[in-house]
N, C-alpha and C. Protein backbone atom coordinates (compact mmCIF):
# COMPACT_ATOMS: atom_id res chain seq x y z
N UNK A 1 0.88 -1.15 0.22
CA UNK A 1 -0.04 0.15 -0.02
C UNK A 1 1.00 1.20 -0.07
N UNK A 2 0.42 1.99 -0.71
CA UNK A 2 1.32 3.39 -0.88
C UNK A 2 0.42 4.49 -0.13
N UNK A 3 1.15 5.70 -0.01
CA UNK A 3 0.60 6.86 0.76
C UNK A 3 -1.04 7.32 0.35
N UNK A 4 -0.98 7.44 -1.04
CA UNK A 4 -2.45 7.74 -1.61
C UNK A 4 -3.40 6.54 -1.25
N UNK A 5 -2.93 5.42 -1.44
CA UNK A 5 -3.81 4.08 -1.10
C UNK A 5 -4.24 4.32 0.32
N UNK A 6 -3.44 4.70 1.14
CA UNK A 6 -3.75 4.85 2.51
C UNK A 6 -4.66 5.82 2.78
N UNK A 7 -4.58 6.98 2.31
CA UNK A 7 -5.52 7.99 2.52
C UNK A 7 -6.76 7.83 1.96
N UNK A 8 -7.03 7.23 0.87
CA UNK A 8 -8.20 6.71 0.38
C UNK A 8 -8.92 5.59 1.36
N UNK A 9 -8.02 4.68 1.90
CA UNK A 9 -8.73 3.85 2.65
C UNK A 9 -9.11 4.46 4.10
N UNK A 10 -8.54 5.22 4.52
CA UNK A 10 -8.59 5.78 5.94
C UNK A 10 -10.40 6.76 5.49
N UNK A 11 -10.21 7.45 4.55
CA UNK A 11 -11.49 8.21 4.21
C UNK A 11 -12.54 7.22 3.89
N UNK A 12 -12.40 6.37 3.21
CA UNK A 12 -13.47 5.13 2.79
C UNK A 12 -14.03 4.68 4.03
N UNK A 13 -13.06 4.49 5.36
CA UNK A 13 -13.48 3.95 6.74
C UNK A 13 -14.34 5.08 7.12
N UNK A 14 -14.45 6.35 6.75
CA UNK A 14 -15.24 7.49 7.58
C UNK A 14 -14.22 8.09 8.46
N UNK A 15 -13.20 7.84 8.45
CA UNK A 15 -11.98 8.56 9.24
C UNK A 15 -11.48 9.78 9.03
N UNK A 16 -10.96 10.55 9.69
CA UNK A 16 -10.41 11.70 9.55
C UNK A 16 -8.66 11.45 9.22
N UNK A 17 -8.65 11.94 8.18
CA UNK A 17 -6.77 11.67 7.96
C UNK A 17 -6.14 12.77 9.02
N UNK A 18 -5.23 12.58 9.47
CA UNK A 18 -4.91 13.60 10.39
C UNK A 18 -3.92 14.66 9.56
N UNK A 19 -4.41 16.01 9.79
CA UNK A 19 -3.60 16.78 8.84
C UNK A 19 -2.22 16.82 8.99
N UNK A 20 -1.81 16.55 9.96
CA UNK A 20 -0.02 16.47 9.91
C UNK A 20 0.56 15.46 9.12
N UNK A 21 -0.14 14.14 8.92
CA UNK A 21 0.27 13.08 8.39
C UNK A 21 -0.09 13.51 6.83
N UNK A 22 -1.09 14.02 6.29
CA UNK A 22 -1.65 14.62 5.12
C UNK A 22 -0.23 15.42 4.57
N UNK A 23 -0.19 16.67 5.27
CA UNK A 23 0.98 17.30 4.92
C UNK A 23 2.31 16.70 4.63
N UNK A 24 2.73 16.02 5.65
CA UNK A 24 3.89 15.28 5.61
C UNK A 24 3.97 14.14 4.49
N UNK A 25 2.75 13.78 4.15
CA UNK A 25 3.02 12.52 3.11
C UNK A 25 3.22 13.57 1.82
N UNK A 26 2.55 14.76 1.66
CA UNK A 26 2.77 15.80 0.31
C UNK A 26 4.37 15.85 0.47
N UNK A 27 5.03 15.93 1.25
CA UNK A 27 6.68 16.31 1.45
C UNK A 27 7.38 15.18 1.29
N UNK A 28 6.86 14.10 2.04
CA UNK A 28 7.72 12.90 2.19
C UNK A 28 6.89 11.44 2.60
N UNK A 29 6.21 11.07 1.38
CA UNK A 29 5.40 9.82 1.70
C UNK A 29 6.11 8.63 2.55
N UNK A 30 7.50 8.53 2.26
CA UNK A 30 8.15 7.52 2.98
C UNK A 30 8.13 7.62 4.30
N UNK A 31 8.03 9.06 4.86
CA UNK A 31 7.96 9.12 6.36
C UNK A 31 6.65 8.63 6.87
N UNK A 32 5.83 8.96 6.22
CA UNK A 32 4.29 8.58 6.83
C UNK A 32 4.33 6.93 6.64
N UNK A 33 4.58 6.48 5.58
CA UNK A 33 4.60 5.11 5.60
C UNK A 33 5.31 4.42 6.71
N UNK A 34 6.78 4.90 7.03
CA UNK A 34 7.50 4.39 8.10
C UNK A 34 6.51 4.42 9.04
N UNK A 35 5.86 5.68 9.50
CA UNK A 35 5.01 5.89 10.69
C UNK A 35 3.93 4.84 10.92
N UNK A 36 3.39 4.42 9.76
CA UNK A 36 2.24 3.67 9.61
C UNK A 36 2.87 2.18 10.01
N UNK A 37 3.99 1.75 9.35
CA UNK A 37 4.43 0.59 9.82
C UNK A 37 4.79 0.47 11.46
N UNK A 38 5.32 1.58 11.88
CA UNK A 38 5.61 1.52 13.48
C UNK A 38 4.22 1.10 14.28
N UNK A 39 3.26 1.93 13.60
CA UNK A 39 1.91 1.65 14.21
C UNK A 39 1.47 0.36 14.11
N UNK A 40 1.46 -0.21 12.93
CA UNK A 40 1.25 -1.57 12.64
C UNK A 40 2.13 -2.63 13.56
N UNK A 41 3.45 -2.08 13.84
CA UNK A 41 4.11 -3.11 14.90
C UNK A 41 3.57 -2.75 16.25
N UNK A 42 3.19 -1.65 16.63
CA UNK A 42 2.62 -1.37 17.83
C UNK A 42 1.28 -2.33 18.25
N UNK A 43 0.62 -2.64 17.14
CA UNK A 43 -0.56 -2.94 17.63
C UNK A 43 -0.63 -4.43 17.42
N UNK A 44 0.55 -5.18 16.64
CA UNK A 44 0.41 -6.45 16.55
C UNK A 44 0.63 -7.43 17.59
N UNK A 45 1.07 -6.87 18.65
CA UNK A 45 0.90 -7.87 19.70
C UNK A 45 -0.31 -8.57 20.28
N UNK A 46 -0.30 -9.23 20.91
CA UNK A 46 -1.73 -9.95 21.34
C UNK A 46 -1.74 -10.20 23.00
N UNK A 47 -1.01 -9.60 23.66
CA UNK A 47 -0.99 -9.44 24.98
C UNK A 47 -2.14 -8.59 25.59
N UNK A 48 -2.59 -7.43 24.66
CA UNK A 48 -3.60 -6.68 25.06
C UNK A 48 -4.57 -6.87 23.93
N UNK A 49 -5.85 -6.91 24.44
CA UNK A 49 -6.94 -6.90 23.29
C UNK A 49 -6.92 -5.58 22.45
N UNK A 50 -7.21 -5.48 21.22
CA UNK A 50 -7.38 -4.40 20.39
C UNK A 50 -8.30 -3.43 21.20
N UNK A 51 -9.37 -3.78 21.75
CA UNK A 51 -10.05 -2.73 22.55
C UNK A 51 -9.29 -1.93 23.63
N UNK A 52 -8.60 -2.61 24.31
CA UNK A 52 -7.64 -1.85 25.31
C UNK A 52 -6.50 -0.86 24.56
N UNK A 53 -5.95 -1.47 23.50
CA UNK A 53 -4.99 -0.50 22.74
C UNK A 53 -5.67 0.67 22.42
N UNK A 54 -7.07 0.37 21.83
CA UNK A 54 -7.74 1.35 21.18
C UNK A 54 -7.99 2.50 22.54
N UNK A 55 -8.28 2.18 23.72
CA UNK A 55 -8.57 3.12 24.76
C UNK A 55 -7.39 3.72 25.25
N UNK A 56 -6.06 2.99 25.19
CA UNK A 56 -5.01 3.64 25.57
C UNK A 56 -4.54 4.49 24.69
N UNK A 57 -4.56 4.45 23.38
CA UNK A 57 -4.67 5.58 22.17
C UNK A 57 -5.52 6.48 22.38
N UNK A 58 -6.50 6.48 22.82
CA UNK A 58 -7.46 7.54 23.08
C UNK A 58 -7.25 8.44 24.13
N UNK A 59 -6.70 7.46 25.20
CA UNK A 59 -6.44 8.68 26.48
C UNK A 59 -4.99 9.23 25.91
N UNK A 60 -4.20 8.86 25.13
CA UNK A 60 -3.01 9.48 24.78
C UNK A 60 -3.39 10.80 23.93
N UNK A 61 -4.21 10.43 23.07
CA UNK A 61 -4.74 11.37 21.96
C UNK A 61 -5.37 12.74 22.96
N UNK A 62 -6.10 12.09 24.17
CA UNK A 62 -6.60 13.26 24.81
C UNK A 62 -5.83 14.18 25.74
N UNK A 63 -4.83 13.28 26.18
CA UNK A 63 -3.61 13.83 27.13
C UNK A 63 -2.79 14.87 26.03
N UNK A 64 -2.65 14.72 24.86
CA UNK A 64 -1.77 15.24 23.99
C UNK A 64 -2.62 16.32 23.00
N UNK A 65 -3.92 16.38 23.46
CA UNK A 65 -4.61 17.52 22.56
C UNK A 65 -4.74 17.26 21.22
N UNK A 66 -5.09 16.06 20.72
CA UNK A 66 -5.24 15.88 19.32
C UNK A 66 -6.51 15.32 18.78
N UNK A 67 -7.09 16.57 18.32
CA UNK A 67 -8.48 16.27 18.01
C UNK A 67 -8.81 15.12 17.19
N UNK A 68 -7.88 15.17 16.11
CA UNK A 68 -7.93 13.83 14.91
C UNK A 68 -7.99 12.66 15.58
N UNK A 69 -6.84 12.52 16.59
CA UNK A 69 -6.62 11.39 17.47
C UNK A 69 -7.60 10.92 18.21
N UNK A 70 -8.08 12.03 18.76
CA UNK A 70 -9.50 11.63 19.83
C UNK A 70 -10.78 11.08 18.92
N UNK A 71 -10.95 11.79 17.77
CA UNK A 71 -11.92 11.00 16.99
C UNK A 71 -11.70 9.72 16.39
N UNK A 72 -10.39 9.66 15.99
CA UNK A 72 -10.22 8.42 15.36
C UNK A 72 -10.22 7.04 16.17
N UNK A 73 -9.66 7.53 17.37
CA UNK A 73 -9.49 6.47 18.31
C UNK A 73 -10.65 6.28 19.01
N UNK A 74 -11.77 7.16 18.99
CA UNK A 74 -13.15 6.84 19.72
C UNK A 74 -13.65 6.23 18.57
N UNK A 75 -13.41 6.27 17.29
CA UNK A 75 -14.15 5.44 16.55
C UNK A 75 -13.51 3.82 16.49
N UNK A 76 -12.31 3.96 16.54
CA UNK A 76 -11.50 2.52 16.50
C UNK A 76 -11.91 1.74 17.82
N UNK A 77 -11.99 2.48 18.90
CA UNK A 77 -12.27 1.77 20.22
C UNK A 77 -13.88 1.16 19.98
N UNK A 78 -14.90 1.98 19.48
CA UNK A 78 -16.10 1.58 19.49
C UNK A 78 -15.83 0.32 18.31
N UNK A 79 -15.28 0.19 17.41
CA UNK A 79 -15.03 -0.73 16.46
C UNK A 79 -14.42 -1.87 17.00
N UNK A 80 -13.59 -1.70 18.01
CA UNK A 80 -13.04 -3.07 18.75
C UNK A 80 -14.00 -3.40 19.85
N UNK A 81 -15.09 -2.70 20.15
CA UNK A 81 -16.24 -3.30 21.08
C UNK A 81 -16.41 -2.52 22.27
N UNK A 82 -15.58 -1.47 22.27
CA UNK A 82 -15.66 -0.60 23.63
C UNK A 82 -17.13 -0.07 23.68
N UNK A 83 -17.57 0.02 24.78
CA UNK A 83 -19.09 0.64 25.06
C UNK A 83 -18.87 2.12 25.08
N UNK A 84 -19.94 2.77 25.07
CA UNK A 84 -19.81 4.37 25.30
C UNK A 84 -19.54 4.64 26.87
N UNK A 85 -19.88 3.82 27.51
CA UNK A 85 -19.41 4.13 28.92
C UNK A 85 -17.97 3.78 29.29
N UNK A 86 -17.42 2.80 28.54
CA UNK A 86 -15.92 2.73 28.46
C UNK A 86 -15.46 3.97 28.07
N UNK A 87 -15.54 4.24 26.85
CA UNK A 87 -14.97 5.56 26.16
C UNK A 87 -15.15 6.85 27.16
N UNK A 88 -16.28 6.86 27.81
CA UNK A 88 -16.25 8.18 28.21
C UNK A 88 -15.65 7.98 29.63
N UNK A 89 -15.35 6.88 30.22
CA UNK A 89 -14.70 6.56 31.38
C UNK A 89 -13.08 7.04 31.13
N UNK A 90 -12.82 6.56 29.71
CA UNK A 90 -11.36 6.89 29.22
C UNK A 90 -11.14 8.18 29.45
N UNK A 91 -12.29 8.86 28.98
CA UNK A 91 -11.94 10.34 28.80
C UNK A 91 -11.90 10.88 30.43
N UNK A 92 -12.66 10.49 31.09
CA UNK A 92 -12.42 11.04 32.56
C UNK A 92 -11.08 10.78 32.92
N UNK A 93 -10.67 9.39 32.79
CA UNK A 93 -9.34 9.00 33.36
C UNK A 93 -8.29 10.07 32.59
N UNK A 94 -8.47 10.26 31.56
CA UNK A 94 -7.24 10.97 30.68
C UNK A 94 -7.48 12.40 31.12
N UNK A 95 -8.61 12.88 31.31
CA UNK A 95 -8.52 14.23 31.80
C UNK A 95 -8.12 14.44 33.36
N UNK A 96 -8.61 13.53 33.85
CA UNK A 96 -7.75 13.68 35.34
C UNK A 96 -6.21 13.41 35.32
N UNK A 97 -5.98 12.54 34.60
CA UNK A 97 -4.45 12.33 34.48
C UNK A 97 -3.72 13.53 33.92
N UNK A 98 -4.24 14.05 33.09
CA UNK A 98 -3.72 15.38 32.38
C UNK A 98 -3.67 16.65 33.45
N UNK A 99 -4.88 16.47 34.28
CA UNK A 99 -4.86 17.73 35.03
C UNK A 99 -3.67 17.53 36.33
N UNK A 100 -3.52 16.31 36.59
CA UNK A 100 -2.59 15.66 37.88
C UNK A 100 -1.35 16.43 37.33
N UNK A 101 -1.08 16.19 36.18
CA UNK A 101 0.34 16.69 35.56
C UNK A 101 0.56 18.38 35.88
N UNK A 102 -0.53 18.85 35.76
CA UNK A 102 -0.39 20.40 35.75
C UNK A 102 0.04 20.57 37.24
N UNK A 103 -0.44 19.90 38.19
CA UNK A 103 -0.17 20.06 39.53
C UNK A 103 1.27 19.59 40.01
N UNK A 104 1.89 18.36 39.14
CA UNK A 104 3.21 18.19 39.16
C UNK A 104 4.18 18.99 38.48
N UNK A 105 3.77 19.47 37.37
CA UNK A 105 4.61 20.77 36.68
C UNK A 105 4.77 21.70 37.20
N UNK A 106 3.70 22.12 38.09
CA UNK A 106 3.87 23.37 38.86
C UNK A 106 4.65 23.25 40.23
N UNK A 107 5.60 22.23 40.44
CA UNK A 107 6.20 21.87 41.60
C UNK A 107 6.99 23.11 41.67
N UNK A 108 7.96 23.73 40.83
CA UNK A 108 9.01 24.71 41.22
C UNK A 108 8.22 26.02 41.55
N UNK A 109 7.07 26.30 41.03
CA UNK A 109 6.31 27.42 41.36
C UNK A 109 5.81 27.17 42.83
N UNK A 110 5.25 26.10 43.04
CA UNK A 110 4.55 25.76 44.52
C UNK A 110 5.54 25.82 45.61
N UNK A 111 6.69 25.38 45.27
CA UNK A 111 7.88 25.41 46.32
C UNK A 111 8.30 26.75 46.31
N UNK A 112 8.50 27.68 45.44
CA UNK A 112 8.70 29.23 45.50
C UNK A 112 7.65 29.73 46.39
N UNK A 113 6.40 29.66 46.16
CA UNK A 113 5.21 30.12 46.86
C UNK A 113 5.52 29.94 48.19
N UNK A 114 5.53 28.55 48.79
CA UNK A 114 5.35 28.14 50.00
C UNK A 114 6.66 28.62 50.63
N UNK A 115 8.05 28.82 50.13
CA UNK A 115 9.02 29.34 50.93
C UNK A 115 8.95 30.83 50.85
N UNK A 116 8.26 31.57 49.92
CA UNK A 116 8.04 33.26 50.13
C UNK A 116 7.03 33.54 51.14
N UNK A 117 6.30 32.67 51.74
CA UNK A 117 4.97 33.10 52.68
C UNK A 117 5.51 34.22 53.77
């Protein structure tokens, strides 16, 4: 499969082609195809069910603020058998996890504030 065939396949499945991959493909199709090869390798193991992999990818997309990843991984999770409740719980856990990092990242500021009281 080449880049153009991959894009057509994604669109045929009713998914959104991530804009960065679309643009990268226009500049260097080989880099996109290498990325897709890495994805195939990441998803090829059988220790985790595909539904769990899709929910993990969804959580990562949420934490990284990637709207196309959130949409595509929500669809992938549904296709892999995740319920709406499981997807919404994934949203909640990812949102909490992302928020928790804001507190951890603020450590230097919190230390400074505590010391300057």
